[in-house]
Amino acid sequence: MPDGSWGVTPRVSVETECARRGRAAVVADCRDLLRGGVADADAVAALAGPTAPRFLDPDRSDRCWLRVWGARGLLWAWGDEAVPEIRVALGDESWRVREMALKVIARHHVDGLLDEVIASRDDGTPRVRAAAEKAVVALTVQRWRIRVSRKSRDEKGIRRQRPRRRRAAPTGQSAR
C-alpha cells in the first residue's frame, strides 16, 4: 500500500490542484486514470501524495491504485462528464476501485446509476456491499427529499402558475 504521510488530506490536495490547474483539468486526469490511461506524475502526486508517481511504472502489478486514486479524486472534484467512467468502475476487477466508485456515487448523488448500485449490493467483497448499501440510501433519500420538497411547495401553493390571459372582449363590447 502507498505511503500516506504527505501532510495533507486527499481533499485538500485535490482542491489545491483544482485551484492551480482548474477543476476541468483535474476531472479529466481522474477520468484518464479510471480508464487505465496515463496521467503525468504531478497529477498523480496531487491525487495520492508525493510517493505515488512510482505507481506509473508499467511493470508494477499494483497499478490498480491509479484507478482508486482517480475515483477518489472525483470525490472532491466532480463533473457529470465522469459518469461513464464511474459506471465502468463499478465492474472493475479491483474491489478498491468498485468501493471508491460507490462512494463517489453516494457523495454526488449520481442518480442515473441506481440500478448498477443496487446490483453492487451482491458484490463478493463486504466493503463493496457496505458502500453499495450506503449509496442506495443516499440516492433514495435524495429522491425522497426532492419528491417531498415538490409536494410541500405544491401544497403551500408555491408552485409557479402561468399568468392568466384575458380574453379579448367580442367586438362591440367592453372588457370588464
Protein backbone atom coordinates (compact mmCIF):
# COMPACT_ATOMS: atom_id res chain seq x y z
CA MET A 1 0.00 0.00 0.00
CA PRO A 2 1.26 3.51 -0.74
CA ASP A 3 2.79 5.76 1.89
CA GLY A 4 0.07 8.06 3.28
CA SER A 5 2.34 10.56 5.01
CA TRP A 6 2.26 13.53 2.69
CA GLY A 7 0.99 16.00 5.25
CA VAL A 8 -2.37 16.98 3.74
CA THR A 9 -5.65 15.20 3.24
CA PRO A 10 -6.61 14.00 -0.24
CA ARG A 11 -9.41 16.57 -0.22
CA VAL A 12 -7.06 19.48 0.45
CA SER A 13 -4.60 18.21 -2.12
CA VAL A 14 -7.26 17.84 -4.83
CA GLU A 15 -8.80 21.23 -4.03
CA THR A 16 -5.34 22.83 -4.20
CA GLU A 17 -4.73 21.19 -7.57
CA CYS A 18 -8.12 22.45 -8.79
CA ALA A 19 -7.17 25.98 -7.76
CA ARG A 20 -3.84 25.64 -9.55
CA ARG A 21 -4.90 23.93 -12.81
CA GLY A 22 -8.69 24.19 -12.86
CA ARG A 23 -11.39 21.71 -11.91
CA ALA A 24 -11.90 20.53 -15.50
CA ALA A 25 -8.23 19.51 -15.84
CA VAL A 26 -8.30 17.58 -12.57
CA VAL A 27 -11.54 15.80 -13.51
CA ALA A 28 -10.01 14.92 -16.89
CA ASP A 29 -6.97 13.38 -15.16
CA CYS A 30 -9.22 11.38 -12.83
CA ARG A 31 -11.20 10.09 -15.80
CA ASP A 32 -8.00 9.11 -17.61
CA LEU A 33 -6.77 7.20 -14.58
CA LEU A 34 -10.09 5.40 -14.19
CA ARG A 35 -9.88 4.31 -17.83
CA GLY A 36 -6.42 2.87 -17.14
CA GLY A 37 -4.79 5.71 -19.01
CA VAL A 38 -1.70 7.66 -18.16
CA ALA A 39 -1.57 10.87 -16.18
CA ASP A 40 1.53 12.88 -15.53
CA ALA A 41 3.49 12.43 -12.31
CA ASP A 42 2.40 15.81 -10.91
CA ALA A 43 -1.28 14.93 -11.31
CA VAL A 44 -0.79 11.56 -9.62
CA ALA A 45 1.14 13.21 -6.78
CA ALA A 46 -1.71 15.69 -6.29
CA LEU A 47 -4.26 12.86 -6.15
CA ALA A 48 -2.29 10.47 -3.97
CA GLY A 49 0.81 12.04 -2.47
CA PRO A 50 4.43 12.64 -3.42
CA THR A 51 5.43 8.96 -3.47
CA ALA A 52 2.54 7.90 -5.72
CA PRO A 53 4.19 8.59 -9.11
CA ARG A 54 6.20 5.39 -8.65
CA PHE A 55 2.94 3.58 -9.50
CA LEU A 56 3.21 4.92 -13.05
CA ASP A 57 5.82 2.23 -13.79
CA PRO A 58 4.04 -0.06 -16.29
CA ASP A 59 5.76 -3.14 -14.83
CA ARG A 60 4.08 -2.76 -11.44
CA SER A 61 1.42 -5.30 -10.59
CA ASP A 62 -0.43 -2.92 -8.26
CA ARG A 63 -1.37 -0.24 -10.77
CA CYS A 64 -5.00 -0.57 -9.66
CA TRP A 65 -4.08 2.13 -7.14
CA LEU A 66 -4.05 4.63 -10.01
CA ARG A 67 -7.70 3.83 -10.72
CA VAL A 68 -8.52 4.05 -7.00
CA TRP A 69 -6.92 7.48 -6.84
CA GLY A 70 -8.70 8.59 -9.99
CA ALA A 71 -12.01 7.69 -8.38
CA ARG A 72 -11.02 9.26 -5.07
CA GLY A 73 -10.12 12.48 -6.86
CA LEU A 74 -13.70 12.60 -8.14
CA LEU A 75 -14.94 12.68 -4.56
CA TRP A 76 -13.51 16.20 -4.30
CA ALA A 77 -13.54 17.38 -7.93
CA TRP A 78 -16.71 16.13 -9.57
CA GLY A 79 -18.01 16.67 -13.07
CA ASP A 80 -21.02 14.93 -14.62
CA GLU A 81 -18.84 14.07 -17.60
CA ALA A 82 -17.21 11.40 -15.37
CA VAL A 83 -20.40 9.31 -15.11
CA PRO A 84 -19.33 6.85 -17.87
CA GLU A 85 -16.03 6.14 -16.11
CA ILE A 86 -17.72 5.70 -12.74
CA ARG A 87 -20.22 3.31 -14.34
CA VAL A 88 -17.36 1.19 -15.74
CA ALA A 89 -15.51 1.37 -12.41
CA LEU A 90 -18.41 -0.44 -10.74
CA GLY A 91 -17.29 -3.55 -12.63
CA ASP A 92 -13.55 -3.11 -12.08
CA GLU A 93 -11.53 -6.21 -11.15
CA SER A 94 -10.22 -4.41 -8.06
CA TRP A 95 -12.66 -4.21 -5.16
CA ARG A 96 -11.00 -0.98 -4.01
CA VAL A 97 -11.94 0.71 -7.29
CA ARG A 98 -15.52 -0.56 -7.05
CA GLU A 99 -15.79 0.64 -3.44
CA MET A 100 -14.45 4.11 -4.26
CA ALA A 101 -16.77 4.42 -7.27
CA LEU A 102 -19.73 3.72 -4.97
CA LYS A 103 -18.52 6.39 -2.55
CA VAL A 104 -18.38 8.88 -5.42
CA ILE A 105 -21.91 7.96 -6.48
CA ALA A 106 -23.20 8.40 -2.93
CA ARG A 107 -21.43 11.70 -2.37
CA HIS A 108 -22.57 13.30 -5.62
CA HIS A 109 -26.00 11.61 -5.82
CA VAL A 110 -25.35 10.16 -9.27
CA ASP A 111 -28.96 9.11 -9.64
CA GLY A 112 -28.61 7.62 -13.11
CA LEU A 113 -26.58 4.72 -11.70
CA LEU A 114 -29.09 3.49 -9.12
CA ASP A 115 -29.69 0.17 -10.91
CA GLU A 116 -25.95 -0.56 -11.03
CA VAL A 117 -25.58 0.44 -7.38
CA ILE A 118 -28.40 -1.91 -6.39
CA ALA A 119 -26.64 -4.74 -8.25
CA SER A 120 -23.44 -3.96 -6.33
CA ARG A 121 -25.17 -4.99 -3.10
CA ASP A 122 -24.44 -8.59 -4.21
CA ASP A 123 -20.69 -7.99 -4.67
CA GLY A 124 -18.38 -10.66 -3.27
CA THR A 125 -16.47 -8.15 -1.12
CA PRO A 126 -18.05 -6.98 2.15
CA ARG A 127 -16.64 -3.44 1.87
CA VAL A 128 -18.12 -3.05 -1.60
CA ARG A 129 -21.50 -4.34 -0.38
CA ALA A 130 -21.39 -1.86 2.53
CA ALA A 131 -20.54 1.02 0.18
CA ALA A 132 -23.36 -0.08 -2.12
CA GLU A 133 -25.87 -0.04 0.76
CA LYS A 134 -24.77 3.48 1.71
CA ALA A 135 -25.04 4.62 -1.91
CA VAL A 136 -28.54 3.16 -2.25
CA VAL A 137 -29.59 5.03 0.88
CA ALA A 138 -28.00 8.27 -0.34
CA LEU A 139 -29.67 8.03 -3.74
CA THR A 140 -33.10 7.04 -2.48
CA VAL A 141 -33.10 9.62 0.31
CA GLN A 142 -32.17 12.25 -2.27
CA ARG A 143 -35.10 11.15 -4.46
CA TRP A 144 -37.41 11.23 -1.45
CA ARG A 145 -36.26 14.73 -0.48
CA ILE A 146 -36.89 16.00 -3.98
CA ARG A 147 -40.40 14.50 -4.03
CA VAL A 148 -41.25 15.82 -0.57
CA SER A 149 -39.90 19.24 -1.47
CA ARG A 150 -42.03 19.37 -4.63
CA LYS A 151 -45.09 18.11 -2.77
CA SER A 152 -44.58 20.65 0.00
CA ARG A 153 -44.29 23.51 -2.49
CA ASP A 154 -47.44 22.31 -4.26
CA GLU A 155 -49.39 22.07 -1.00
CA LYS A 156 -48.33 25.55 0.03
CA GLY A 157 -49.38 26.95 -3.33
CA ILE A 158 -45.83 27.97 -4.16
CA ARG A 159 -45.94 26.23 -7.48
CA ARG A 160 -45.38 28.69 -10.24
CA GLN A 161 -48.55 29.35 -12.14
CA ARG A 162 -48.79 30.65 -15.65
CA PRO A 163 -50.28 34.10 -15.83
CA ARG A 164 -53.89 34.03 -16.94
CA ARG A 165 -54.62 35.54 -20.28
CA ARG A 166 -57.52 37.87 -20.52
CA ARG A 167 -59.87 37.00 -23.23
CA ALA A 168 -60.43 39.71 -25.69
CA ALA A 169 -63.92 41.13 -25.50
CA PRO A 170 -66.08 40.41 -28.53
CA THR A 171 -66.25 43.28 -30.93
CA GLY A 172 -68.64 45.94 -29.78
CA GLN A 173 -68.47 45.01 -26.11
CA SER A 174 -66.26 46.40 -23.44
CA ALA A 175 -63.95 44.32 -21.32
CA ARG A 176 -64.80 44.10 -17.64
